[in-house]
Protein backbone atom coordinates (compact mmCIF):
# COMPACT_ATOMS: atom_id res chain seq x y z
CA MET A 1 55.27 98.77 46.77
CA VAL A 2 56.14 95.12 47.39
CA LEU A 3 57.83 94.75 44.01
CA SER A 4 59.76 97.99 44.54
CA LEU A 5 61.06 96.68 47.84
CA VAL A 6 62.03 93.35 46.29
CA TRP A 7 63.96 95.01 43.47
CA ALA A 8 65.63 97.39 45.92
CA LEU A 9 66.83 94.47 48.03
CA MET A 10 68.23 92.84 44.91
CA ALA A 11 70.21 95.93 43.88
CA ALA A 12 73.74 95.10 45.00
CA PRO A 13 76.41 97.84 44.90
CA THR A 14 79.99 97.07 43.92
CA ALA A 15 82.71 99.39 45.22
CA THR A 16 84.88 101.37 42.80
CA ALA A 17 87.94 103.56 43.26
CA ASP A 18 85.94 106.73 42.65
CA SER A 19 83.64 107.68 45.54
CA ARG A 20 81.16 109.23 43.07
CA THR A 21 80.83 106.11 40.89
CA LEU A 22 79.25 102.78 41.68
CA ARG A 23 78.45 99.59 39.86
CA ILE A 24 75.01 98.45 40.99
CA ASP A 25 73.82 95.00 39.98
CA VAL A 26 70.04 94.76 39.68
CA TYR A 27 68.19 91.48 39.30
CA SER A 28 65.68 91.42 36.46
CA PRO A 29 62.78 89.05 37.17
CA SER A 30 61.58 89.41 33.58
CA MET A 31 64.94 88.25 32.16
CA GLY A 32 65.95 85.98 35.03
CA ARG A 33 69.41 87.44 35.44
CA TRP A 34 71.45 90.17 37.10
CA ILE A 35 72.17 93.31 35.09
CA ALA A 36 75.19 95.50 35.88
CA ASN A 37 74.72 99.28 35.89
CA ASP A 38 77.47 101.89 36.06
CA VAL A 39 76.27 104.81 38.17
CA ILE A 40 77.55 108.34 38.72
CA THR A 41 76.05 109.76 41.91
CA PRO A 42 75.01 113.43 42.23
CA ALA A 43 77.28 116.29 43.17
CA GLY A 44 76.39 117.55 46.62
CA GLY A 45 74.56 114.38 47.62
CA GLY A 46 70.93 114.21 48.64
CA PRO A 47 67.88 113.30 46.52
CA ALA A 48 68.42 113.97 42.83
CA PRO A 49 66.73 113.18 39.50
CA THR A 50 68.00 110.30 37.38
CA PHE A 51 69.30 110.26 33.82
CA TYR A 52 69.30 106.79 32.28
CA LEU A 53 71.89 106.63 29.50
CA LEU A 54 72.00 103.75 27.01
CA THR A 55 74.96 102.63 24.93
CA GLY A 56 74.70 101.57 21.31
CA ILE A 57 74.67 98.26 19.52
CA GLY A 58 77.11 96.39 21.80
CA GLY A 59 75.32 97.39 25.00
CA GLY A 60 78.65 98.04 26.71
CA THR A 61 79.33 94.31 27.08
CA ASP A 62 82.14 94.72 24.56
CA GLY A 63 83.81 97.37 26.73
CA ILE A 64 82.67 100.19 24.43
CA SER A 65 80.40 102.55 26.32
CA TRP A 66 79.72 106.05 27.60
CA PHE A 67 81.55 105.11 30.78
CA ASN A 68 84.67 103.84 29.00
CA ASN A 69 84.89 105.96 25.85
CA THR A 70 83.98 109.49 26.94
CA ASP A 71 84.77 112.04 29.63
CA ILE A 72 81.28 111.64 31.03
CA ARG A 73 82.48 111.51 34.64
CA ASP A 74 84.15 114.90 34.24
CA PHE A 75 81.07 116.36 32.55
CA PHE A 76 78.74 115.32 35.37
CA ASP A 77 81.24 116.16 38.12
CA ASP A 78 79.39 119.35 39.12
CA LYS A 79 75.84 118.24 38.30
CA HIS A 80 73.18 117.20 40.79
CA VAL A 81 71.89 114.12 38.99
CA ASN A 82 72.20 110.35 39.13
CA VAL A 83 73.50 108.98 35.83
CA VAL A 84 72.67 105.29 35.36
CA MET A 85 74.26 103.36 32.48
CA PRO A 86 73.06 99.75 32.11
CA VAL A 87 75.56 97.22 30.78
CA GLY A 88 73.77 94.84 28.42
CA GLY A 89 71.08 94.80 25.77
CA GLU A 90 73.40 94.20 22.85
CA TYR A 91 71.56 93.94 19.51
CA SER A 92 68.21 93.97 21.36
CA MET A 93 66.77 97.39 20.42
CA TYR A 94 66.21 97.65 24.21
CA THR A 95 62.69 96.31 23.75
CA ASP A 96 60.60 93.38 25.01
CA TRP A 97 60.96 90.40 22.67
CA ILE A 98 58.00 88.13 22.05
CA ALA A 99 60.18 84.99 22.11
CA GLU A 100 63.53 83.87 23.46
CA ASP A 101 66.20 83.97 20.77
CA PRO A 102 68.63 81.04 20.31
CA VAL A 103 71.53 83.49 19.89
CA LEU A 104 70.55 86.60 21.86
CA GLY A 105 68.62 84.90 24.65
CA ARG A 106 65.75 86.40 26.62
CA ASN A 107 65.34 90.13 26.13
CA GLN A 108 62.80 92.10 28.14
CA TRP A 109 64.57 95.44 28.15
CA GLN A 110 61.49 97.65 28.05
CA THR A 111 60.25 96.01 31.24
CA TYR A 112 63.68 96.32 32.84
CA LEU A 113 64.26 99.96 31.89
CA THR A 114 60.77 101.29 32.62
CA ARG A 115 59.83 99.24 35.70
CA GLU A 116 62.50 97.06 37.27
CA LEU A 117 65.55 99.32 37.14
CA PRO A 118 63.82 102.60 38.16
CA ALA A 119 62.20 100.89 41.14
CA ALA A 120 65.57 99.58 42.31
CA ILE A 121 67.46 102.84 41.67
CA ASP A 122 64.82 105.01 43.38
CA SER A 123 64.91 102.83 46.48
CA ARG A 124 68.67 102.30 46.54
CA LEU A 125 69.72 105.91 45.89
CA GLY A 126 66.80 107.87 47.35
CA THR A 127 66.12 109.79 44.14
CA THR A 128 63.48 112.44 43.51
CA GLY A 129 61.64 110.00 41.23
CA VAL A 130 62.07 112.33 38.24
CA ASN A 131 63.67 110.65 35.21
CA ALA A 132 65.09 111.31 31.76
CA ILE A 133 66.62 108.91 29.26
CA GLY A 134 69.18 109.22 26.48
CA GLY A 135 70.73 106.81 24.02
CA VAL A 136 73.11 106.65 21.10
CA SER A 137 73.03 104.88 17.73
CA MET A 138 70.80 101.77 18.13
CA ALA A 139 69.53 103.21 21.40
CA GLY A 140 68.81 106.54 19.71
CA SER A 141 65.68 104.91 18.32
CA SER A 142 65.04 102.85 21.45
CA VAL A 143 64.87 105.78 23.87
CA LEU A 144 62.18 107.46 21.79
CA ASP A 145 60.22 104.21 21.72
CA LEU A 146 60.61 103.70 25.49
CA ALA A 147 59.26 107.19 26.14
CA ILE A 148 56.32 106.41 23.87
CA GLN A 149 55.59 102.98 25.36
CA ALA A 150 55.84 104.14 28.99
CA PRO A 151 54.29 107.63 29.07
CA GLY A 152 55.13 109.64 32.16
CA THR A 153 58.22 107.59 33.01
CA TYR A 154 60.63 110.12 31.49
CA ARG A 155 60.25 113.89 31.44
CA ALA A 156 62.92 114.22 28.75
CA VAL A 157 64.51 112.07 26.07
CA GLY A 158 67.78 112.55 24.16
CA SER A 159 68.35 110.70 20.90
CA TYR A 160 71.92 110.88 19.60
CA SER A 161 72.83 109.72 16.07
CA GLY A 162 69.94 107.27 15.86
CA CYS A 163 67.17 106.54 13.39
CA ALA A 164 63.63 107.26 14.62
CA GLN A 165 62.05 104.67 12.34
CA THR A 166 61.57 100.91 12.69
CA SER A 167 58.92 100.08 10.07
CA GLY A 168 58.85 100.56 6.31
CA ILE A 169 61.72 99.66 4.03
CA ILE A 170 64.32 101.96 5.63
CA GLY A 171 63.33 101.32 9.24
CA GLN A 172 63.17 97.56 8.91
CA ALA A 173 66.48 97.46 7.05
CA MET A 174 68.17 99.47 9.80
CA VAL A 175 66.77 97.26 12.57
CA ARG A 176 67.54 93.99 10.82
CA SER A 177 71.09 95.12 10.03
CA MET A 178 71.69 95.54 13.76
CA VAL A 179 69.76 92.57 15.15
CA GLU A 180 70.51 90.02 12.45
CA LEU A 181 73.58 91.01 10.43
CA ARG A 182 75.55 92.31 13.41
CA GLY A 183 73.99 90.37 16.28
CA GLY A 184 73.17 87.07 14.63
CA GLY A 185 69.68 87.06 16.11
CA ASN A 186 66.28 86.67 14.48
CA ALA A 187 64.22 89.87 14.43
CA ALA A 188 61.05 87.77 14.14
CA ASN A 189 61.67 86.76 17.76
CA MET A 190 61.61 90.44 18.66
CA TRP A 191 58.49 91.92 17.01
CA GLY A 192 57.32 89.05 14.84
CA PRO A 193 57.53 88.69 11.04
CA ILE A 194 58.30 91.81 9.04
CA ALA A 195 54.61 92.58 8.40
CA ALA A 196 53.58 92.03 12.04
CA PRO A 197 51.86 94.94 13.84
CA LEU A 198 54.54 95.32 16.53
CA TRP A 199 56.99 96.78 14.02
CA ARG A 200 54.62 99.72 13.63
CA VAL A 201 53.74 99.85 17.33
CA HIS A 202 57.42 100.46 18.13
CA ASP A 203 58.06 102.98 15.34
CA PRO A 204 58.70 106.46 16.86
CA MET A 205 57.96 108.09 13.49
CA LEU A 206 54.45 106.64 13.40
CA ASN A 207 53.76 107.12 17.12
CA ALA A 208 55.36 110.54 17.56
CA GLU A 209 52.11 112.06 18.84
CA ARG A 210 52.69 110.21 22.12
CA LEU A 211 55.83 112.27 22.72
CA ARG A 212 53.76 115.39 23.22
CA GLY A 213 54.54 116.87 26.63
CA THR A 214 58.00 115.26 26.78
CA ALA A 215 61.12 117.40 26.32
CA VAL A 216 62.76 116.00 23.17
CA PHE A 217 66.33 116.49 21.92
CA VAL A 218 67.47 114.82 18.70
CA SER A 219 70.83 115.26 17.00
CA SER A 220 73.12 113.95 14.28
CA GLY A 221 76.41 114.59 12.56
CA ASN A 222 76.60 114.72 8.76
CA GLY A 223 79.12 111.98 7.98
CA ILE A 224 81.97 114.36 7.17
CA PRO A 225 85.03 113.48 9.28
CA GLY A 226 86.64 116.17 11.41
CA PRO A 227 88.39 116.89 14.71
CA ILE A 228 85.12 116.21 16.55
CA ASP A 229 85.53 112.48 15.87
CA ASP A 230 88.78 112.07 17.85
CA HIS A 231 89.42 108.70 16.19
CA ASN A 232 92.08 106.25 17.28
CA PRO A 233 94.95 107.03 14.84
CA ALA A 234 95.50 103.31 14.22
CA LEU A 235 91.87 102.82 13.21
CA VAL A 236 91.06 106.14 11.59
CA VAL A 237 90.48 104.78 8.06
CA PRO A 238 87.96 101.99 8.86
CA GLN A 239 86.30 104.07 11.57
CA THR A 240 85.90 107.01 9.20
CA ILE A 241 84.59 105.02 6.23
CA GLY A 242 82.05 102.97 8.16
CA GLY A 243 81.12 105.82 10.47
CA SER A 244 80.55 108.24 7.60
CA VAL A 245 77.97 106.00 5.95
CA VAL A 246 76.10 105.29 9.18
CA GLU A 247 76.01 108.95 10.19
CA MET A 248 74.75 110.06 6.79
CA VAL A 249 71.84 107.64 7.21
CA THR A 250 71.07 108.86 10.74
CA ASN A 251 71.16 112.42 9.44
CA VAL A 252 68.46 111.60 6.89
CA CYS A 253 66.38 109.88 9.59
CA THR A 254 66.78 112.84 11.94
CA ARG A 255 65.66 115.36 9.34
CA ALA A 256 62.60 113.24 8.51
CA PHE A 257 61.72 113.01 12.20
CA GLN A 258 62.04 116.78 12.54
CA VAL A 259 59.52 117.24 9.74
CA ARG A 260 57.21 114.73 11.42
CA LEU A 261 57.25 116.50 14.78
CA ALA A 262 56.85 119.91 13.15
CA THR A 263 53.82 118.63 11.22
CA LEU A 264 52.27 117.46 14.49
CA GLY A 265 53.13 120.72 16.24
CA ILE A 266 55.23 118.95 18.88
CA PRO A 267 58.05 121.14 20.26
CA ALA A 268 61.52 119.58 20.08
CA THR A 269 65.15 120.62 19.86
CA PHE A 270 67.11 119.37 16.84
CA ARG A 271 70.86 119.84 16.49
CA TYR A 272 72.88 119.10 13.36
CA LEU A 273 76.63 119.09 13.81
CA PRO A 274 78.61 120.54 10.86
CA GLN A 275 80.90 117.50 10.87
CA GLY A 276 81.11 114.11 12.51
CA THR A 277 81.10 110.43 11.62
CA HIS A 278 79.52 107.79 13.87
CA SER A 279 82.11 108.28 16.61
CA TRP A 280 82.35 108.73 20.37
CA GLY A 281 83.77 112.19 19.89
CA LEU A 282 80.58 113.14 18.08
CA PHE A 283 78.35 111.33 20.60
CA GLU A 284 79.88 113.12 23.56
CA THR A 285 79.40 116.48 21.85
CA GLU A 286 75.75 115.63 21.24
CA LEU A 287 75.27 114.67 24.88
CA ARG A 288 76.81 117.90 26.10
CA ASP A 289 74.67 119.91 23.67
CA SER A 290 71.54 118.17 24.93
CA TRP A 291 72.08 118.84 28.60
CA PRO A 292 70.34 122.24 28.78
CA VAL A 293 67.20 120.52 27.47
CA ILE A 294 67.55 117.30 29.51
CA GLY A 295 68.81 118.84 32.72
CA GLY A 296 66.33 121.71 32.55
CA ALA A 297 63.40 119.31 32.19
CA ILE A 298 64.31 117.24 35.25
CA GLY A 299 65.64 120.00 37.50
CA ALA A 300 69.26 118.87 37.45
């Protein structure tokens, strides 16, 4: 109760032009800094559930995000739900790191997303206390892991164009490509050396049993470009080439995860789009497709 009150007092709203959107800065004791969060408030007002929505590898700090690159505000215009989109967590896998990284700094995103931020949002916005979480690309793995690591925090999870694997040759290669090759960090500061136990602890494929009872939606494109991608005409060639390869890999990961959940007898909704590279046009379609599952689970 005391910590909830402290975090609520440290949640500072910033006015925007749209009366339904806010930017709320929340102080993270675990990371020792303020974190900005773009928020869409519920249609009709009053207590509502909360959908936490994570951006991909850049964390939104590069200006690329759900808030900036999709029509998410229009989609949620008639929906009775708080949508909270943290800005930050680039190259972090949205997890708690075991050591501060010289390049990526102090990352305690699991603590922030499962404890600090919900406490502040619930107090600041007067929510119903019912939560779901969704994430794209890098965060497509992270949201599954967060639901596993903090059981009961989220009633539903949506994984869009991600890879539900962090250990083994494929999983480790995917994670290291994001943390080290793209981010310049050292993945050993995150979960320890490659053979360390935490790599397996945070692998949704290995720990899928702990998703039982959570509404799960997982989706992917197939790497074939199409109108769904809605690429910038000036960047269509590099976006298509790079995005095709990434989406083909996430498609393989998604199909393997579907087999894993089916083997365990865990109900889940899987959606495979008949086209789509790793693009915001695809991601927004996946989000819209997931809403009957996500919204239904949280009463939105």
